Amino acid sequence: MEKFMLIFQEELKGTSPSPDQMEQNMGKWFAWIDSLAKAGKYVSGEPLLPGGKVIKGSHKNVTDGPFTEGKEIIGGYFIVNAENYDEAIALCEGYPDYETGGSIIVRQVQKMDMPG
């Protein structure tokens, strides 16, 4: 079994959803998480707040971004267990934000042998 990271990308829109829409969407998220957990596929995950900081270069310059001015933001991530990319992609079937223009980046987590 391999680990995969599902990275949720959302389009920034000019209007915010209503509280009812947000509640309905959260219900869809919780149902999806529950189905992944019951299947033994869900490892962990968290939503991310907008904004952030970027640390770059040999001088370690810290700047705002990278999501504050873009049209898309990374809204959060899951770590899931899957046999391969095909299964990891199949686990994305229940993603609630496809309807609102969201997308998922699927990346396999590299195994690392830690010294010691």
N, C-alpha and C. Protein backbone atom coordinates (compact mmCIF):
# COMPACT_ATOMS: atom_id res chain seq x y z
N MET A 1 0.85 -1.18 0.00
CA MET A 1 0.00 0.00 0.00
C MET A 1 0.89 1.24 0.00
N GLU A 2 0.54 2.20 -0.82
CA GLU A 2 1.28 3.44 -0.93
C GLU A 2 0.46 4.60 -0.35
N LYS A 3 1.14 5.68 -0.03
CA LYS A 3 0.45 6.89 0.42
C LYS A 3 0.41 7.89 -0.73
N PHE A 4 -0.73 8.56 -0.85
CA PHE A 4 -0.90 9.60 -1.86
C PHE A 4 -1.43 10.85 -1.17
N MET A 5 -1.01 12.00 -1.68
CA MET A 5 -1.53 13.27 -1.19
C MET A 5 -2.51 13.78 -2.23
N LEU A 6 -3.71 14.12 -1.78
CA LEU A 6 -4.72 14.74 -2.62
C LEU A 6 -4.73 16.22 -2.25
N ILE A 7 -4.37 17.07 -3.18
CA ILE A 7 -4.25 18.51 -2.92
C ILE A 7 -5.43 19.19 -3.61
N PHE A 8 -6.24 19.89 -2.83
CA PHE A 8 -7.49 20.45 -3.33
C PHE A 8 -7.29 21.89 -3.79
N GLN A 9 -7.52 22.11 -5.08
CA GLN A 9 -7.40 23.44 -5.67
C GLN A 9 -8.80 24.00 -5.89
N GLU A 10 -8.98 25.24 -5.51
CA GLU A 10 -10.27 25.90 -5.66
C GLU A 10 -10.09 27.19 -6.45
N GLU A 11 -11.08 27.51 -7.26
CA GLU A 11 -11.07 28.78 -7.98
C GLU A 11 -11.58 29.87 -7.06
N LEU A 12 -10.87 31.00 -7.07
CA LEU A 12 -11.36 32.16 -6.32
C LEU A 12 -12.50 32.78 -7.11
N LYS A 13 -13.58 33.05 -6.42
CA LYS A 13 -14.73 33.67 -7.07
C LYS A 13 -15.05 34.96 -6.35
N GLY A 14 -15.73 35.87 -7.04
CA GLY A 14 -16.05 37.16 -6.47
C GLY A 14 -17.09 37.12 -5.35
N THR A 15 -17.88 36.06 -5.31
CA THR A 15 -18.93 35.98 -4.29
C THR A 15 -18.66 34.84 -3.33
N SER A 16 -19.08 35.02 -2.10
CA SER A 16 -18.94 33.98 -1.09
C SER A 16 -20.23 33.18 -1.02
N PRO A 17 -20.14 31.87 -0.72
CA PRO A 17 -21.36 31.09 -0.57
C PRO A 17 -22.15 31.53 0.66
N SER A 18 -23.45 31.30 0.62
CA SER A 18 -24.29 31.62 1.76
C SER A 18 -23.99 30.63 2.89
N PRO A 19 -24.40 30.95 4.12
CA PRO A 19 -24.20 30.00 5.22
C PRO A 19 -24.87 28.65 4.94
N ASP A 20 -26.05 28.65 4.32
CA ASP A 20 -26.72 27.39 3.99
C ASP A 20 -25.91 26.58 2.98
N GLN A 21 -25.38 27.27 1.97
CA GLN A 21 -24.56 26.58 0.97
C GLN A 21 -23.30 26.01 1.60
N MET A 22 -22.68 26.77 2.50
CA MET A 22 -21.48 26.30 3.18
C MET A 22 -21.79 25.06 4.03
N GLU A 23 -22.93 25.08 4.72
CA GLU A 23 -23.32 23.95 5.56
C GLU A 23 -23.59 22.71 4.71
N GLN A 24 -24.27 22.88 3.59
CA GLN A 24 -24.53 21.75 2.68
C GLN A 24 -23.23 21.17 2.14
N ASN A 25 -22.32 22.05 1.75
CA ASN A 25 -21.04 21.59 1.22
C ASN A 25 -20.23 20.86 2.28
N MET A 26 -20.24 21.37 3.50
CA MET A 26 -19.50 20.69 4.58
C MET A 26 -20.07 19.30 4.84
N GLY A 27 -21.39 19.17 4.73
CA GLY A 27 -22.02 17.86 4.88
C GLY A 27 -21.50 16.88 3.83
N LYS A 28 -21.32 17.36 2.60
CA LYS A 28 -20.78 16.51 1.53
C LYS A 28 -19.33 16.12 1.83
N TRP A 29 -18.55 17.08 2.35
CA TRP A 29 -17.17 16.78 2.72
C TRP A 29 -17.11 15.72 3.82
N PHE A 30 -17.91 15.90 4.86
CA PHE A 30 -17.89 14.93 5.97
C PHE A 30 -18.33 13.55 5.50
N ALA A 31 -19.30 13.48 4.60
CA ALA A 31 -19.75 12.18 4.06
C ALA A 31 -18.63 11.52 3.26
N TRP A 32 -17.90 12.33 2.46
CA TRP A 32 -16.79 11.78 1.68
C TRP A 32 -15.68 11.27 2.59
N ILE A 33 -15.32 12.07 3.58
CA ILE A 33 -14.27 11.65 4.53
C ILE A 33 -14.69 10.37 5.24
N ASP A 34 -15.95 10.30 5.66
CA ASP A 34 -16.46 9.12 6.36
C ASP A 34 -16.36 7.88 5.47
N SER A 35 -16.72 8.03 4.18
CA SER A 35 -16.65 6.87 3.29
C SER A 35 -15.20 6.41 3.08
N LEU A 36 -14.27 7.35 2.96
CA LEU A 36 -12.86 6.99 2.83
C LEU A 36 -12.34 6.32 4.10
N ALA A 37 -12.73 6.84 5.25
CA ALA A 37 -12.29 6.27 6.53
C ALA A 37 -12.82 4.85 6.71
N LYS A 38 -14.10 4.64 6.40
CA LYS A 38 -14.70 3.31 6.54
C LYS A 38 -14.05 2.30 5.61
N ALA A 39 -13.54 2.77 4.47
CA ALA A 39 -12.85 1.89 3.52
C ALA A 39 -11.38 1.67 3.90
N GLY A 40 -10.93 2.33 4.99
CA GLY A 40 -9.54 2.18 5.43
C GLY A 40 -8.55 2.93 4.55
N LYS A 41 -9.01 3.94 3.82
CA LYS A 41 -8.16 4.68 2.89
C LYS A 41 -7.71 6.04 3.43
N TYR A 42 -8.51 6.65 4.29
CA TYR A 42 -8.21 7.98 4.80
C TYR A 42 -7.15 7.90 5.89
N VAL A 43 -6.07 8.67 5.75
CA VAL A 43 -5.01 8.71 6.76
C VAL A 43 -5.14 10.00 7.57
N SER A 44 -5.17 11.14 6.88
CA SER A 44 -5.27 12.42 7.57
C SER A 44 -5.58 13.50 6.54
N GLY A 45 -5.84 14.70 7.04
CA GLY A 45 -6.07 15.82 6.16
C GLY A 45 -6.55 17.03 6.93
N GLU A 46 -6.38 18.18 6.33
CA GLU A 46 -6.78 19.44 6.97
C GLU A 46 -7.12 20.47 5.90
N PRO A 47 -8.06 21.36 6.20
CA PRO A 47 -8.24 22.52 5.34
C PRO A 47 -7.13 23.53 5.63
N LEU A 48 -6.85 24.39 4.68
CA LEU A 48 -5.82 25.41 4.85
C LEU A 48 -6.47 26.79 4.79
N LEU A 49 -5.96 27.69 5.60
CA LEU A 49 -6.42 29.08 5.55
C LEU A 49 -5.82 29.76 4.32
N PRO A 50 -6.49 30.77 3.78
CA PRO A 50 -5.92 31.51 2.64
C PRO A 50 -4.63 32.22 3.06
N GLY A 51 -3.85 32.57 2.06
CA GLY A 51 -2.61 33.30 2.34
C GLY A 51 -1.47 32.37 2.63
N GLY A 52 -0.48 32.87 3.29
CA GLY A 52 0.69 32.09 3.63
C GLY A 52 1.95 32.90 3.42
N LYS A 53 3.06 32.24 3.53
CA LYS A 53 4.38 32.85 3.35
C LYS A 53 5.22 31.94 2.47
N VAL A 54 6.11 32.57 1.71
CA VAL A 54 7.08 31.85 0.89
C VAL A 54 8.46 32.25 1.37
N ILE A 55 9.31 31.26 1.62
CA ILE A 55 10.70 31.50 2.04
C ILE A 55 11.57 31.05 0.87
N LYS A 56 12.43 31.96 0.38
CA LYS A 56 13.12 31.71 -0.88
C LYS A 56 14.56 32.20 -0.85
N GLY A 57 15.40 31.49 -1.59
CA GLY A 57 16.75 31.94 -1.87
C GLY A 57 17.72 31.76 -0.73
N SER A 58 18.99 32.04 -1.02
CA SER A 58 20.04 31.86 -0.03
C SER A 58 19.91 32.83 1.14
N HIS A 59 19.23 33.96 0.91
CA HIS A 59 19.02 34.92 2.00
C HIS A 59 17.74 34.63 2.78
N LYS A 60 17.03 33.59 2.34
CA LYS A 60 15.80 33.15 3.01
C LYS A 60 14.80 34.30 3.14
N ASN A 61 14.57 35.00 2.03
CA ASN A 61 13.60 36.09 2.01
C ASN A 61 12.20 35.55 2.22
N VAL A 62 11.45 36.19 3.08
CA VAL A 62 10.08 35.79 3.36
C VAL A 62 9.13 36.79 2.71
N THR A 63 8.20 36.27 1.89
CA THR A 63 7.22 37.12 1.24
C THR A 63 5.83 36.52 1.43
N ASP A 64 4.81 37.37 1.26
CA ASP A 64 3.44 36.87 1.27
C ASP A 64 3.21 36.05 0.01
N GLY A 65 2.26 35.14 0.11
CA GLY A 65 1.88 34.39 -1.08
C GLY A 65 1.92 32.92 -0.81
N PRO A 66 1.94 32.14 -1.81
CA PRO A 66 1.78 32.48 -3.21
C PRO A 66 0.32 32.58 -3.64
N PHE A 67 -0.58 32.37 -2.70
CA PHE A 67 -1.98 32.21 -3.08
C PHE A 67 -2.79 33.48 -2.95
N THR A 68 -2.22 34.55 -2.44
CA THR A 68 -3.00 35.74 -2.16
C THR A 68 -3.42 36.50 -3.40
N GLU A 69 -2.71 36.34 -4.52
CA GLU A 69 -3.04 37.09 -5.72
C GLU A 69 -3.45 36.20 -6.88
N GLY A 70 -3.40 34.89 -6.71
CA GLY A 70 -3.72 33.97 -7.78
C GLY A 70 -5.22 33.79 -7.96
N LYS A 71 -5.58 33.15 -9.07
CA LYS A 71 -6.98 32.86 -9.34
C LYS A 71 -7.40 31.55 -8.68
N GLU A 72 -6.43 30.74 -8.30
CA GLU A 72 -6.72 29.47 -7.64
C GLU A 72 -5.96 29.42 -6.32
N ILE A 73 -6.57 28.76 -5.36
CA ILE A 73 -5.90 28.59 -4.07
C ILE A 73 -5.86 27.10 -3.74
N ILE A 74 -4.90 26.72 -2.93
CA ILE A 74 -4.87 25.38 -2.38
C ILE A 74 -5.72 25.44 -1.11
N GLY A 75 -6.83 24.72 -1.12
CA GLY A 75 -7.77 24.80 -0.02
C GLY A 75 -7.52 23.80 1.09
N GLY A 76 -6.74 22.76 0.81
CA GLY A 76 -6.46 21.75 1.82
C GLY A 76 -5.90 20.50 1.18
N TYR A 77 -5.79 19.44 1.98
CA TYR A 77 -5.19 18.21 1.47
C TYR A 77 -5.69 17.03 2.29
N PHE A 78 -5.60 15.86 1.71
CA PHE A 78 -5.76 14.58 2.40
C PHE A 78 -4.52 13.74 2.11
N ILE A 79 -4.21 12.86 3.03
CA ILE A 79 -3.28 11.76 2.78
C ILE A 79 -4.15 10.51 2.78
N VAL A 80 -4.03 9.71 1.71
CA VAL A 80 -4.82 8.48 1.60
C VAL A 80 -3.90 7.31 1.30
N ASN A 81 -4.37 6.11 1.61
CA ASN A 81 -3.69 4.88 1.24
C ASN A 81 -4.33 4.34 -0.02
N ALA A 82 -3.51 3.96 -1.00
CA ALA A 82 -4.00 3.36 -2.23
C ALA A 82 -2.92 2.44 -2.79
N GLU A 83 -3.34 1.47 -3.58
CA GLU A 83 -2.39 0.54 -4.19
C GLU A 83 -1.54 1.22 -5.27
N ASN A 84 -2.16 2.17 -6.01
CA ASN A 84 -1.47 2.80 -7.14
C ASN A 84 -2.23 4.08 -7.51
N TYR A 85 -1.74 4.75 -8.56
CA TYR A 85 -2.40 5.99 -9.00
C TYR A 85 -3.85 5.76 -9.40
N ASP A 86 -4.12 4.65 -10.08
CA ASP A 86 -5.50 4.38 -10.51
C ASP A 86 -6.45 4.34 -9.32
N GLU A 87 -6.05 3.67 -8.26
CA GLU A 87 -6.91 3.62 -7.08
C GLU A 87 -7.01 4.98 -6.40
N ALA A 88 -5.89 5.71 -6.33
CA ALA A 88 -5.91 7.04 -5.71
C ALA A 88 -6.86 7.96 -6.48
N ILE A 89 -6.83 7.88 -7.80
CA ILE A 89 -7.72 8.70 -8.62
C ILE A 89 -9.17 8.29 -8.39
N ALA A 90 -9.42 6.99 -8.29
CA ALA A 90 -10.78 6.51 -8.03
C ALA A 90 -11.31 7.01 -6.69
N LEU A 91 -10.43 7.18 -5.70
CA LEU A 91 -10.86 7.69 -4.39
C LEU A 91 -11.33 9.13 -4.47
N CYS A 92 -10.97 9.83 -5.53
CA CYS A 92 -11.35 11.24 -5.70
C CYS A 92 -12.78 11.39 -6.23
N GLU A 93 -13.44 10.29 -6.53
CA GLU A 93 -14.78 10.33 -7.11
C GLU A 93 -15.75 11.17 -6.30
N GLY A 94 -15.69 11.11 -4.98
CA GLY A 94 -16.65 11.81 -4.13
C GLY A 94 -16.31 13.25 -3.80
N TYR A 95 -15.27 13.80 -4.40
CA TYR A 95 -14.85 15.18 -4.10
C TYR A 95 -15.99 16.16 -4.33
N PRO A 96 -16.46 16.85 -3.31
CA PRO A 96 -17.64 17.71 -3.43
C PRO A 96 -17.46 18.96 -4.28
N ASP A 97 -16.24 19.43 -4.47
CA ASP A 97 -16.04 20.72 -5.10
C ASP A 97 -15.84 20.66 -6.62
N TYR A 98 -15.98 19.47 -7.22
CA TYR A 98 -15.96 19.42 -8.69
C TYR A 98 -17.04 20.33 -9.26
N GLU A 99 -18.21 20.34 -8.59
CA GLU A 99 -19.37 21.11 -9.06
C GLU A 99 -19.10 22.61 -9.12
N THR A 100 -18.18 23.09 -8.30
CA THR A 100 -17.91 24.53 -8.23
C THR A 100 -16.56 24.90 -8.86
N GLY A 101 -16.03 24.02 -9.70
CA GLY A 101 -14.78 24.32 -10.42
C GLY A 101 -13.53 23.88 -9.71
N GLY A 102 -13.67 23.14 -8.61
CA GLY A 102 -12.50 22.66 -7.89
C GLY A 102 -11.81 21.53 -8.64
N SER A 103 -10.55 21.31 -8.31
CA SER A 103 -9.79 20.21 -8.91
C SER A 103 -8.90 19.59 -7.84
N ILE A 104 -8.38 18.42 -8.15
CA ILE A 104 -7.50 17.71 -7.22
C ILE A 104 -6.19 17.39 -7.93
N ILE A 105 -5.09 17.70 -7.25
CA ILE A 105 -3.77 17.26 -7.69
C ILE A 105 -3.47 16.00 -6.89
N VAL A 106 -3.12 14.92 -7.56
CA VAL A 106 -2.81 13.64 -6.90
C VAL A 106 -1.31 13.42 -7.01
N ARG A 107 -0.65 13.28 -5.85
CA ARG A 107 0.80 13.05 -5.82
C ARG A 107 1.11 11.87 -4.92
N GLN A 108 2.00 11.00 -5.37
CA GLN A 108 2.43 9.89 -4.54
C GLN A 108 3.48 10.39 -3.55
N VAL A 109 3.37 9.95 -2.31
CA VAL A 109 4.33 10.31 -1.26
C VAL A 109 5.52 9.37 -1.37
N GLN A 110 6.70 9.93 -1.46
CA GLN A 110 7.92 9.13 -1.57
C GLN A 110 8.28 8.56 -0.21
N LYS A 111 8.59 7.27 -0.20
CA LYS A 111 9.06 6.64 1.03
C LYS A 111 10.51 7.04 1.25
N MET A 112 10.83 7.35 2.51
CA MET A 112 12.19 7.74 2.83
C MET A 112 12.69 6.90 4.00
N ASP A 113 13.91 6.43 3.88
CA ASP A 113 14.55 5.73 4.98
C ASP A 113 15.28 6.75 5.82
N MET A 114 14.86 6.90 7.05
CA MET A 114 15.49 7.87 7.94
C MET A 114 16.69 7.21 8.61
N PRO A 115 17.81 7.92 8.66
CA PRO A 115 18.99 7.36 9.32
C PRO A 115 18.75 7.19 10.82
N GLY A 116 19.39 6.21 11.36
CA GLY A 116 19.34 6.07 12.81
C GLY A 116 18.59 4.92 13.21
